[in-house]
Amino acid sequence: MRNNEDRLGTKSIDSDEPPQAREAQSGASFSFSTPTEFVELPSRGRFYPEGHSLCGKEEVEIKHMTAKDEDILTSETLIKKGMAIDRLLQNVLVDKGIDVKSMLIGDKNALIVATRITGYGPDYRTQVRCPACAKSVEQTFDLSQYSIYEANENDVFEGGIVIEKSGTFKMTMPVSNVEVGVRLMNGYDEDRLNKISEMKKKNKLPLTFLTDQLRQMIVSVNGDSSGEMISKFIEHMPARDSRYLRTTYQKVVPNIDMAQEFSCASCGHAQGLEVPFTVDFFWPRQ
């Protein structure tokens, strides 16, 4: 007879080895350690206050998504409260001292993409509306094909804009000629905006997401940091100034660039397109 014990590396059930030892050996053979990987932060740890868990850190370590993590994504309670993504990100972080909501938006975006890749791979298939023919077509994006753009406190951007170590910068509006102080937003700001929108929907009030966002971003107007002055300026802010502030903000803040080539299967139109974060992102159909 062939020696199956030697060939398979197993021992017979009637071995002289004690049952407890056999059980321990069996358990060890099924032990599994969740893989981890490091995610580069667009901010490189800059613009966080001293004492913050991410101050000076260029990357964070995350665990790969598991079936248990998927339970978070399927929790109706967490989804209704808008807490599913934050809870998932908090769960995959190896360093539990990091507060996901305190992360700068760009750093959080990098974490979201990396977590999704560990769970479902880099291929992201979703519906996209063609800018040319307006038809909804299916497009597959490669999430691993993104670039990071970072900012240093010494960098000078268009218009002489310099980000200070505190994470704020000043710009002069093109129409009103007002100097506006702006700060980098974090997850708490994002959460606050979502709660404001939900409150207005619940009370059937008009949605004012744009001006609500400006109130989170602007910290001073011509050196005046009072809430009264900021609100008054936003209410009378020329549309061109508002657009300039938002587009400049996107160019200045450290973030990930998710733009990829899009080709419409219906009309053949092709252009660079920002990868849309739809429901398919963390809840893929397949």
C-alpha atoms as a PDB file:
ATOM      1  CA  MET A   1       0.000   0.000   0.000  1.00  0.00           C
ATOM      2  CA  ARG A   2       1.106   3.588  -0.628  1.00  0.00           C
ATOM      3  CA  ASN A   3       2.071   5.507   2.448  1.00  0.00           C
ATOM      4  CA  ASN A   4      -0.629   8.195   2.414  1.00  0.00           C
ATOM      5  CA  GLU A   5       0.591   9.656   5.690  1.00  0.00           C
ATOM      6  CA  ASP A   6       3.957  10.498   4.166  1.00  0.00           C
ATOM      7  CA  ARG A   7       2.471  11.542   0.809  1.00  0.00           C
ATOM      8  CA  LEU A   8      -0.198  13.874   2.270  1.00  0.00           C
ATOM      9  CA  GLY A   9       1.664  14.956   5.364  1.00  0.00           C
ATOM     10  CA  THR A  10      -1.098  13.669   7.661  1.00  0.00           C
ATOM     11  CA  LYS A  11      -1.257  11.288  10.604  1.00  0.00           C
ATOM     12  CA  SER A  12      -3.583   8.347  11.116  1.00  0.00           C
ATOM     13  CA  ILE A  13      -6.553   8.806  13.471  1.00  0.00           C
ATOM     14  CA  ASP A  14      -5.286   5.981  15.676  1.00  0.00           C
ATOM     15  CA  SER A  15      -1.906   7.680  16.180  1.00  0.00           C
ATOM     16  CA  ASP A  16      -0.371   7.615  19.631  1.00  0.00           C
ATOM     17  CA  GLU A  17      -0.448  11.429  19.624  1.00  0.00           C
ATOM     18  CA  PRO A  18      -2.851  12.797  22.328  1.00  0.00           C
ATOM     19  CA  PRO A  19      -6.244  14.099  21.018  1.00  0.00           C
ATOM     20  CA  GLN A  20      -5.526  17.588  22.429  1.00  0.00           C
ATOM     21  CA  ALA A  21      -2.326  17.789  20.395  1.00  0.00           C
ATOM     22  CA  ARG A  22      -4.136  16.628  17.262  1.00  0.00           C
ATOM     23  CA  GLU A  23      -6.841  19.278  17.782  1.00  0.00           C
ATOM     24  CA  ALA A  24      -4.264  22.002  18.288  1.00  0.00           C
ATOM     25  CA  GLN A  25      -2.436  20.929  15.149  1.00  0.00           C
ATOM     26  CA  SER A  26      -5.691  20.849  13.172  1.00  0.00           C
ATOM     27  CA  GLY A  27      -6.647  24.340  14.356  1.00  0.00           C
ATOM     28  CA  ALA A  28      -3.242  25.694  13.420  1.00  0.00           C
ATOM     29  CA  SER A  29      -3.569  24.352   9.898  1.00  0.00           C
ATOM     30  CA  PHE A  30      -6.694  26.464   9.402  1.00  0.00           C
ATOM     31  CA  SER A  31      -5.367  29.657  10.950  1.00  0.00           C
ATOM     32  CA  PHE A  32      -5.475  32.641   8.594  1.00  0.00           C
ATOM     33  CA  SER A  33      -4.086  36.121   8.857  1.00  0.00           C
ATOM     34  CA  THR A  34      -5.843  38.854   6.886  1.00  0.00           C
ATOM     35  CA  PRO A  35      -3.397  40.460   4.409  1.00  0.00           C
ATOM     36  CA  THR A  36      -2.583  44.147   4.788  1.00  0.00           C
ATOM     37  CA  GLU A  37      -1.174  46.821   2.533  1.00  0.00           C
ATOM     38  CA  PHE A  38      -0.112  50.449   2.746  1.00  0.00           C
ATOM     39  CA  VAL A  39      -2.052  53.337   1.204  1.00  0.00           C
ATOM     40  CA  GLU A  40      -0.257  56.536   0.220  1.00  0.00           C
ATOM     41  CA  LEU A  41      -1.857  59.694   1.573  1.00  0.00           C
ATOM     42  CA  PRO A  42      -2.070  62.607  -0.906  1.00  0.00           C
ATOM     43  CA  SER A  43      -1.428  65.034   1.963  1.00  0.00           C
ATOM     44  CA  ARG A  44       1.739  63.158   3.012  1.00  0.00           C
ATOM     45  CA  GLY A  45       0.648  63.929   6.566  1.00  0.00           C
ATOM     46  CA  ARG A  46       0.887  67.675   6.008  1.00  0.00           C
ATOM     47  CA  PHE A  47      -1.807  70.131   7.120  1.00  0.00           C
ATOM     48  CA  TYR A  48      -2.818  68.055  10.158  1.00  0.00           C
ATOM     49  CA  PRO A  49      -2.409  69.767  13.540  1.00  0.00           C
ATOM     50  CA  GLU A  50       0.358  68.693  15.910  1.00  0.00           C
ATOM     51  CA  GLY A  51      -0.771  65.693  17.923  1.00  0.00           C
ATOM     52  CA  HIS A  52      -3.091  64.376  15.215  1.00  0.00           C
ATOM     53  CA  SER A  53      -2.590  60.666  14.527  1.00  0.00           C
ATOM     54  CA  LEU A  54      -1.818  61.424  10.850  1.00  0.00           C
ATOM     55  CA  CYS A  55       0.475  64.410  11.345  1.00  0.00           C
ATOM     56  CA  GLY A  56       3.658  63.692   9.382  1.00  0.00           C
ATOM     57  CA  LYS A  57       2.482  60.282   8.157  1.00  0.00           C
ATOM     58  CA  GLU A  58       2.828  59.586   4.445  1.00  0.00           C
ATOM     59  CA  GLU A  59       0.823  56.348   4.420  1.00  0.00           C
ATOM     60  CA  VAL A  60      -1.580  54.222   6.445  1.00  0.00           C
ATOM     61  CA  GLU A  61      -1.873  50.462   6.728  1.00  0.00           C
ATOM     62  CA  ILE A  62      -5.188  48.755   5.993  1.00  0.00           C
ATOM     63  CA  LYS A  63      -6.460  45.188   6.156  1.00  0.00           C
ATOM     64  CA  HIS A  64      -8.017  43.673   3.063  1.00  0.00           C
ATOM     65  CA  MET A  65     -11.818  43.635   3.062  1.00  0.00           C
ATOM     66  CA  THR A  66     -13.345  40.437   4.420  1.00  0.00           C
ATOM     67  CA  ALA A  67     -16.780  38.813   4.346  1.00  0.00           C
ATOM     68  CA  LYS A  68     -17.320  40.235   7.837  1.00  0.00           C
ATOM     69  CA  ASP A  69     -16.662  43.727   6.485  1.00  0.00           C
ATOM     70  CA  GLU A  70     -19.333  43.111   3.843  1.00  0.00           C
ATOM     71  CA  ASP A  71     -21.830  42.770   6.699  1.00  0.00           C
ATOM     72  CA  ILE A  72     -21.225  46.464   7.356  1.00  0.00           C
ATOM     73  CA  LEU A  73     -22.052  47.317   3.742  1.00  0.00           C
ATOM     74  CA  THR A  74     -25.300  45.326   3.897  1.00  0.00           C
ATOM     75  CA  SER A  75     -26.501  46.768   7.220  1.00  0.00           C
ATOM     76  CA  GLU A  76     -29.730  48.642   6.459  1.00  0.00           C
ATOM     77  CA  THR A  77     -29.381  50.649   9.660  1.00  0.00           C
ATOM     78  CA  LEU A  78     -25.886  51.897   8.789  1.00  0.00           C
ATOM     79  CA  ILE A  79     -26.878  52.595   5.173  1.00  0.00           C
ATOM     80  CA  LYS A  80     -29.930  54.649   6.218  1.00  0.00           C
ATOM     81  CA  LYS A  81     -27.807  56.654   8.648  1.00  0.00           C
ATOM     82  CA  GLY A  82     -25.124  57.182   6.002  1.00  0.00           C
ATOM     83  CA  MET A  83     -22.549  55.521   8.255  1.00  0.00           C
ATOM     84  CA  ALA A  84     -21.717  52.361   6.273  1.00  0.00           C
ATOM     85  CA  ILE A  85     -18.645  53.654   4.397  1.00  0.00           C
ATOM     86  CA  ASP A  86     -17.095  55.385   7.417  1.00  0.00           C
ATOM     87  CA  ARG A  87     -17.675  52.300   9.575  1.00  0.00           C
ATOM     88  CA  LEU A  88     -16.071  50.106   6.912  1.00  0.00           C
ATOM     89  CA  LEU A  89     -13.014  52.357   6.612  1.00  0.00           C
ATOM     90  CA  GLN A  90     -12.632  52.524  10.390  1.00  0.00           C
ATOM     91  CA  ASN A  91     -12.771  48.732  10.510  1.00  0.00           C
ATOM     92  CA  VAL A  92     -10.051  48.131   7.906  1.00  0.00           C
ATOM     93  CA  LEU A  93      -7.570  50.604   9.395  1.00  0.00           C
ATOM     94  CA  VAL A  94      -4.847  48.765  11.307  1.00  0.00           C
ATOM     95  CA  ASP A  95      -4.182  51.787  13.522  1.00  0.00           C
ATOM     96  CA  LYS A  96      -7.420  52.162  15.464  1.00  0.00           C
ATOM     97  CA  GLY A  97      -6.235  55.489  16.833  1.00  0.00           C
ATOM     98  CA  ILE A  98      -6.990  57.116  13.476  1.00  0.00           C
ATOM     99  CA  ASP A  99     -10.390  58.808  13.289  1.00  0.00           C
ATOM    100  CA  VAL A 100     -11.663  58.399   9.703  1.00  0.00           C
ATOM    101  CA  LYS A 101     -13.851  61.488   9.944  1.00  0.00           C
ATOM    102  CA  SER A 102     -10.882  63.658  10.868  1.00  0.00           C
ATOM    103  CA  MET A 103      -9.048  62.701   7.662  1.00  0.00           C
ATOM    104  CA  LEU A 104      -8.710  65.300   4.927  1.00  0.00           C
ATOM    105  CA  ILE A 105     -11.101  64.564   2.055  1.00  0.00           C
ATOM    106  CA  GLY A 106      -8.300  63.676  -0.375  1.00  0.00           C
ATOM    107  CA  ASP A 107      -6.727  61.221   2.073  1.00  0.00           C
ATOM    108  CA  LYS A 108     -10.113  59.652   2.747  1.00  0.00           C
ATOM    109  CA  ASN A 109     -10.733  59.284  -1.001  1.00  0.00           C
ATOM    110  CA  ALA A 110      -7.441  57.384  -1.370  1.00  0.00           C
ATOM    111  CA  LEU A 111      -8.491  55.107   1.487  1.00  0.00           C
ATOM    112  CA  ILE A 112     -11.911  54.460  -0.073  1.00  0.00           C
ATOM    113  CA  VAL A 113     -10.447  53.448  -3.453  1.00  0.00           C
ATOM    114  CA  ALA A 114      -7.766  51.220  -1.904  1.00  0.00           C
ATOM    115  CA  THR A 115     -10.330  49.473   0.304  1.00  0.00           C
ATOM    116  CA  ARG A 116     -12.640  48.826  -2.627  1.00  0.00           C
ATOM    117  CA  ILE A 117      -9.775  47.312  -4.636  1.00  0.00           C
ATOM    118  CA  THR A 118      -8.873  44.908  -1.813  1.00  0.00           C
ATOM    119  CA  GLY A 119     -12.482  43.772  -1.615  1.00  0.00           C
ATOM    120  CA  TYR A 120     -13.664  43.515  -5.222  1.00  0.00           C
ATOM    121  CA  GLY A 121     -10.607  44.118  -7.383  1.00  0.00           C
ATOM    122  CA  PRO A 122      -9.681  47.109  -9.563  1.00  0.00           C
ATOM    123  CA  ASP A 123     -12.362  46.616 -12.246  1.00  0.00           C
ATOM    124  CA  TYR A 124     -15.317  48.910 -11.617  1.00  0.00           C
ATOM    125  CA  ARG A 125     -18.271  48.511 -13.980  1.00  0.00           C
ATOM    126  CA  THR A 126     -21.030  51.096 -13.828  1.00  0.00           C
ATOM    127  CA  GLN A 127     -23.448  53.130 -15.941  1.00  0.00           C
ATOM    128  CA  VAL A 128     -22.183  56.446 -17.309  1.00  0.00           C
ATOM    129  CA  ARG A 129     -24.166  59.132 -19.113  1.00  0.00           C
ATOM    130  CA  CYS A 130     -22.385  60.155 -22.301  1.00  0.00           C
ATOM    131  CA  PRO A 131     -21.687  63.938 -22.335  1.00  0.00           C
ATOM    132  CA  ALA A 132     -22.308  64.014 -26.108  1.00  0.00           C
ATOM    133  CA  CYS A 133     -25.411  61.913 -26.781  1.00  0.00           C
ATOM    134  CA  ALA A 134     -26.759  61.780 -23.190  1.00  0.00           C
ATOM    135  CA  LYS A 135     -27.307  58.012 -23.426  1.00  0.00           C
ATOM    136  CA  SER A 136     -26.531  55.823 -20.436  1.00  0.00           C
ATOM    137  CA  VAL A 137     -23.825  53.301 -21.353  1.00  0.00           C
ATOM    138  CA  GLU A 138     -21.913  50.707 -19.391  1.00  0.00           C
ATOM    139  CA  GLN A 139     -18.256  51.486 -18.778  1.00  0.00           C
ATOM    140  CA  THR A 140     -15.528  49.567 -16.945  1.00  0.00           C
ATOM    141  CA  PHE A 141     -12.905  51.644 -15.131  1.00  0.00           C
ATOM    142  CA  ASP A 142      -9.606  50.422 -13.719  1.00  0.00           C
ATOM    143  CA  LEU A 143      -9.463  51.821 -10.192  1.00  0.00           C
ATOM    144  CA  SER A 144      -5.767  51.061  -9.867  1.00  0.00           C
ATOM    145  CA  GLN A 145      -5.039  53.642 -12.582  1.00  0.00           C
ATOM    146  CA  TYR A 146      -5.146  56.802 -10.508  1.00  0.00           C
ATOM    147  CA  SER A 147      -2.531  59.388  -9.746  1.00  0.00           C
ATOM    148  CA  ILE A 148      -1.853  61.383  -6.617  1.00  0.00           C
ATOM    149  CA  TYR A 149      -1.396  65.112  -6.623  1.00  0.00           C
ATOM    150  CA  GLU A 150      -0.003  66.575  -3.464  1.00  0.00           C
ATOM    151  CA  ALA A 151       0.647  70.060  -2.195  1.00  0.00           C
ATOM    152  CA  ASN A 152       3.419  71.474  -0.034  1.00  0.00           C
ATOM    153  CA  GLU A 153       3.088  74.499   2.190  1.00  0.00           C
ATOM    154  CA  ASN A 154       5.868  76.093   0.114  1.00  0.00           C
ATOM    155  CA  ASP A 155       4.224  75.518  -3.263  1.00  0.00           C
ATOM    156  CA  VAL A 156       2.876  78.594  -5.048  1.00  0.00           C
ATOM    157  CA  PHE A 157      -0.213  77.948  -7.156  1.00  0.00           C
ATOM    158  CA  GLU A 158      -1.898  80.059  -9.819  1.00  0.00           C
ATOM    159  CA  GLY A 159      -2.818  83.467  -8.454  1.00  0.00           C
ATOM    160  CA  GLY A 160      -0.046  83.337  -5.835  1.00  0.00           C
ATOM    161  CA  ILE A 161      -1.986  80.911  -3.628  1.00  0.00           C
ATOM    162  CA  VAL A 162       0.060  79.233  -0.895  1.00  0.00           C
ATOM    163  CA  ILE A 163      -1.315  76.623   1.502  1.00  0.00           C
ATOM    164  CA  GLU A 164      -0.273  77.391   5.056  1.00  0.00           C
ATOM    165  CA  LYS A 165       0.843  74.690   7.477  1.00  0.00           C
ATOM    166  CA  SER A 166      -2.532  74.995   9.207  1.00  0.00           C
ATOM    167  CA  GLY A 167      -4.260  73.797   6.031  1.00  0.00           C
ATOM    168  CA  THR A 168      -5.724  77.171   5.058  1.00  0.00           C
ATOM    169  CA  PHE A 169      -5.033  79.375   2.048  1.00  0.00           C
ATOM    170  CA  LYS A 170      -6.175  82.756   0.761  1.00  0.00           C
ATOM    171  CA  MET A 171      -7.349  83.792  -2.671  1.00  0.00           C
ATOM    172  CA  THR A 172      -8.633  87.015  -4.187  1.00  0.00           C
ATOM    173  CA  MET A 173     -11.997  86.795  -5.921  1.00  0.00           C
ATOM    174  CA  PRO A 174     -11.910  87.928  -9.581  1.00  0.00           C
ATOM    175  CA  VAL A 175     -15.156  89.930  -9.543  1.00  0.00           C
ATOM    176  CA  SER A 176     -15.644  91.311  -6.021  1.00  0.00           C
ATOM    177  CA  ASN A 177     -11.858  91.616  -5.422  1.00  0.00           C
ATOM    178  CA  VAL A 178     -12.450  90.281  -1.907  1.00  0.00           C
ATOM    179  CA  GLU A 179      -9.729  88.216  -0.214  1.00  0.00           C
ATOM    180  CA  VAL A 180     -11.226  84.973   1.039  1.00  0.00           C
ATOM    181  CA  GLY A 181      -9.596  82.550   3.461  1.00  0.00           C
ATOM    182  CA  VAL A 182     -10.377  78.889   2.731  1.00  0.00           C
ATOM    183  CA  ARG A 183      -9.557  75.713   4.651  1.00  0.00           C
ATOM    184  CA  LEU A 184      -9.085  72.108   3.597  1.00  0.00           C
ATOM    185  CA  MET A 185     -12.202  70.135   4.497  1.00  0.00           C
ATOM    186  CA  ASN A 186     -12.279  66.802   6.313  1.00  0.00           C
ATOM    187  CA  GLY A 187     -14.744  63.981   6.896  1.00  0.00           C
ATOM    188  CA  TYR A 188     -16.529  65.865   9.674  1.00  0.00           C
ATOM    189  CA  ASP A 189     -17.318  68.680   7.232  1.00  0.00           C
ATOM    190  CA  GLU A 190     -18.621  66.122   4.746  1.00  0.00           C
ATOM    191  CA  ASP A 191     -20.777  64.536   7.447  1.00  0.00           C
ATOM    192  CA  ARG A 192     -22.112  67.931   8.516  1.00  0.00           C
ATOM    193  CA  LEU A 193     -23.128  68.787   4.937  1.00  0.00           C
ATOM    194  CA  ASN A 194     -24.974  65.472   4.591  1.00  0.00           C
ATOM    195  CA  LYS A 195     -26.857  66.081   7.854  1.00  0.00           C
ATOM    196  CA  ILE A 196     -27.848  69.587   6.757  1.00  0.00           C
ATOM    197  CA  SER A 197     -29.209  68.200   3.463  1.00  0.00           C
ATOM    198  CA  GLU A 198     -31.114  65.423   5.249  1.00  0.00           C
ATOM    199  CA  MET A 199     -32.620  67.910   7.694  1.00  0.00           C
ATOM    200  CA  LYS A 200     -33.805  70.155   4.851  1.00  0.00           C
ATOM    201  CA  LYS A 201     -35.294  67.193   2.973  1.00  0.00           C
ATOM    202  CA  LYS A 202     -37.091  66.027   6.100  1.00  0.00           C
ATOM    203  CA  ASN A 203     -38.570  69.481   6.693  1.00  0.00           C
ATOM    204  CA  LYS A 204     -39.289  69.992   2.955  1.00  0.00           C
ATOM    205  CA  LEU A 205     -37.005  72.998   2.764  1.00  0.00           C
ATOM    206  CA  PRO A 206     -35.127  74.106  -0.362  1.00  0.00           C
ATOM    207  CA  LEU A 207     -31.743  72.418  -0.748  1.00  0.00           C
ATOM    208  CA  THR A 208     -28.806  74.842  -0.687  1.00  0.00           C
ATOM    209  CA  PHE A 209     -25.859  72.469  -0.943  1.00  0.00           C
ATOM    210  CA  LEU A 210     -23.611  74.927  -2.763  1.00  0.00           C
ATOM    211  CA  THR A 211     -23.856  77.744  -0.228  1.00  0.00           C
ATOM    212  CA  ASP A 212     -23.768  75.236   2.650  1.00  0.00           C
ATOM    213  CA  GLN A 213     -20.500  73.917   1.235  1.00  0.00           C
ATOM    214  CA  LEU A 214     -19.073  77.432   0.973  1.00  0.00           C
ATOM    215  CA  ARG A 215     -19.905  78.014   4.649  1.00  0.00           C
ATOM    216  CA  GLN A 216     -17.818  74.950   5.536  1.00  0.00           C
ATOM    217  CA  MET A 217     -14.891  76.060   3.368  1.00  0.00           C
ATOM    218  CA  ILE A 218     -14.614  79.812   3.982  1.00  0.00           C
ATOM    219  CA  VAL A 219     -12.953  80.883   7.237  1.00  0.00           C
ATOM    220  CA  SER A 220     -12.453  84.608   6.622  1.00  0.00           C
ATOM    221  CA  VAL A 221     -13.455  87.490   4.369  1.00  0.00           C
ATOM    222  CA  ASN A 222     -10.949  90.334   4.078  1.00  0.00           C
ATOM    223  CA  GLY A 223      -9.433  89.139   7.349  1.00  0.00           C
ATOM    224  CA  ASP A 224     -12.781  89.068   9.196  1.00  0.00           C
ATOM    225  CA  SER A 225     -13.504  85.548  10.508  1.00  0.00           C
ATOM    226  CA  SER A 226     -16.896  86.275  12.085  1.00  0.00           C
ATOM    227  CA  GLY A 227     -19.799  84.067  11.035  1.00  0.00           C
ATOM    228  CA  GLU A 228     -21.897  87.134  10.311  1.00  0.00           C
ATOM    229  CA  MET A 229     -19.419  88.524   7.778  1.00  0.00           C
ATOM    230  CA  ILE A 230     -18.899  85.132   6.096  1.00  0.00           C
ATOM    231  CA  SER A 231     -22.659  84.528   5.767  1.00  0.00           C
ATOM    232  CA  LYS A 232     -23.265  88.024   4.407  1.00  0.00           C
ATOM    233  CA  PHE A 233     -20.550  87.605   1.774  1.00  0.00           C
ATOM    234  CA  ILE A 234     -21.822  84.175   0.678  1.00  0.00           C
ATOM    235  CA  GLU A 235     -25.362  85.513   0.271  1.00  0.00           C
ATOM    236  CA  HIS A 236     -24.140  88.261  -2.086  1.00  0.00           C
ATOM    237  CA  MET A 237     -21.228  86.384  -3.670  1.00  0.00           C
ATOM    238  CA  PRO A 238     -21.116  86.737  -7.480  1.00  0.00           C
ATOM    239  CA  ALA A 239     -21.555  83.430  -9.288  1.00  0.00           C
ATOM    240  CA  ARG A 240     -18.198  83.857 -11.047  1.00  0.00           C
ATOM    241  CA  ASP A 241     -16.471  84.240  -7.689  1.00  0.00           C
ATOM    242  CA  SER A 242     -18.212  81.138  -6.378  1.00  0.00           C
ATOM    243  CA  ARG A 243     -17.155  79.103  -9.405  1.00  0.00           C
ATOM    244  CA  TYR A 244     -13.595  80.420  -9.214  1.00  0.00           C
ATOM    245  CA  LEU A 245     -13.326  79.464  -5.546  1.00  0.00           C
ATOM    246  CA  ARG A 246     -14.611  75.910  -6.141  1.00  0.00           C
ATOM    247  CA  THR A 247     -12.470  75.204  -9.214  1.00  0.00           C
ATOM    248  CA  THR A 248      -9.353  76.641  -7.553  1.00  0.00           C
ATOM    249  CA  TYR A 249     -10.017  74.579  -4.450  1.00  0.00           C
ATOM    250  CA  GLN A 250     -10.026  71.396  -6.555  1.00  0.00           C
ATOM    251  CA  LYS A 251      -6.685  72.347  -8.120  1.00  0.00           C
ATOM    252  CA  VAL A 252      -4.997  73.182  -4.828  1.00  0.00           C
ATOM    253  CA  VAL A 253      -6.056  70.510  -2.335  1.00  0.00           C
ATOM    254  CA  PRO A 254      -4.100  67.225  -2.110  1.00  0.00           C
ATOM    255  CA  ASN A 255      -6.247  64.458  -3.576  1.00  0.00           C
ATOM    256  CA  ILE A 256      -6.320  61.546  -6.010  1.00  0.00           C
ATOM    257  CA  ASP A 257      -6.936  62.085  -9.713  1.00  0.00           C
ATOM    258  CA  MET A 258      -9.481  59.519 -10.954  1.00  0.00           C
ATOM    259  CA  ALA A 259      -9.869  60.861 -14.505  1.00  0.00           C
ATOM    260  CA  GLN A 260      -9.826  58.109 -17.143  1.00  0.00           C
ATOM    261  CA  GLU A 261     -10.545  57.815 -20.844  1.00  0.00           C
ATOM    262  CA  PHE A 262     -14.230  57.290 -21.647  1.00  0.00           C
ATOM    263  CA  SER A 263     -15.495  56.012 -24.994  1.00  0.00           C
ATOM    264  CA  CYS A 264     -19.230  55.942 -25.695  1.00  0.00           C
ATOM    265  CA  ALA A 265     -20.372  52.635 -27.194  1.00  0.00           C
ATOM    266  CA  SER A 266     -23.420  54.382 -28.634  1.00  0.00           C
ATOM    267  CA  CYS A 267     -22.049  57.432 -30.485  1.00  0.00           C
ATOM    268  CA  GLY A 268     -18.293  56.880 -30.344  1.00  0.00           C
ATOM    269  CA  HIS A 269     -17.587  60.097 -28.433  1.00  0.00           C
ATOM    270  CA  ALA A 270     -14.343  59.924 -26.431  1.00  0.00           C
ATOM    271  CA  GLN A 271     -12.994  62.170 -23.681  1.00  0.00           C
ATOM    272  CA  GLY A 272     -11.369  62.107 -20.281  1.00  0.00           C
ATOM    273  CA  LEU A 273     -13.962  61.544 -17.563  1.00  0.00           C
ATOM    274  CA  GLU A 274     -13.804  61.558 -13.781  1.00  0.00           C
ATOM    275  CA  VAL A 275     -14.655  58.105 -12.428  1.00  0.00           C
ATOM    276  CA  PRO A 276     -18.162  58.413 -10.901  1.00  0.00           C
ATOM    277  CA  PHE A 277     -18.764  57.003  -7.412  1.00  0.00           C
ATOM    278  CA  THR A 278     -22.156  55.336  -7.894  1.00  0.00           C
ATOM    279  CA  VAL A 279     -23.974  52.678  -5.888  1.00  0.00           C
ATOM    280  CA  ASP A 280     -22.013  50.068  -7.897  1.00  0.00           C
ATOM    281  CA  PHE A 281     -18.787  51.173  -6.265  1.00  0.00           C
ATOM    282  CA  PHE A 282     -19.166  49.287  -2.978  1.00  0.00           C
ATOM    283  CA  TRP A 283     -22.262  47.348  -4.007  1.00  0.00           C
ATOM    284  CA  PRO A 284     -21.226  45.786  -7.338  1.00  0.00           C
ATOM    285  CA  ARG A 285     -23.894  43.885  -9.233  1.00  0.00           C
ATOM    286  CA  GLN A 286     -21.587  40.898  -9.707  1.00  0.00           C
END
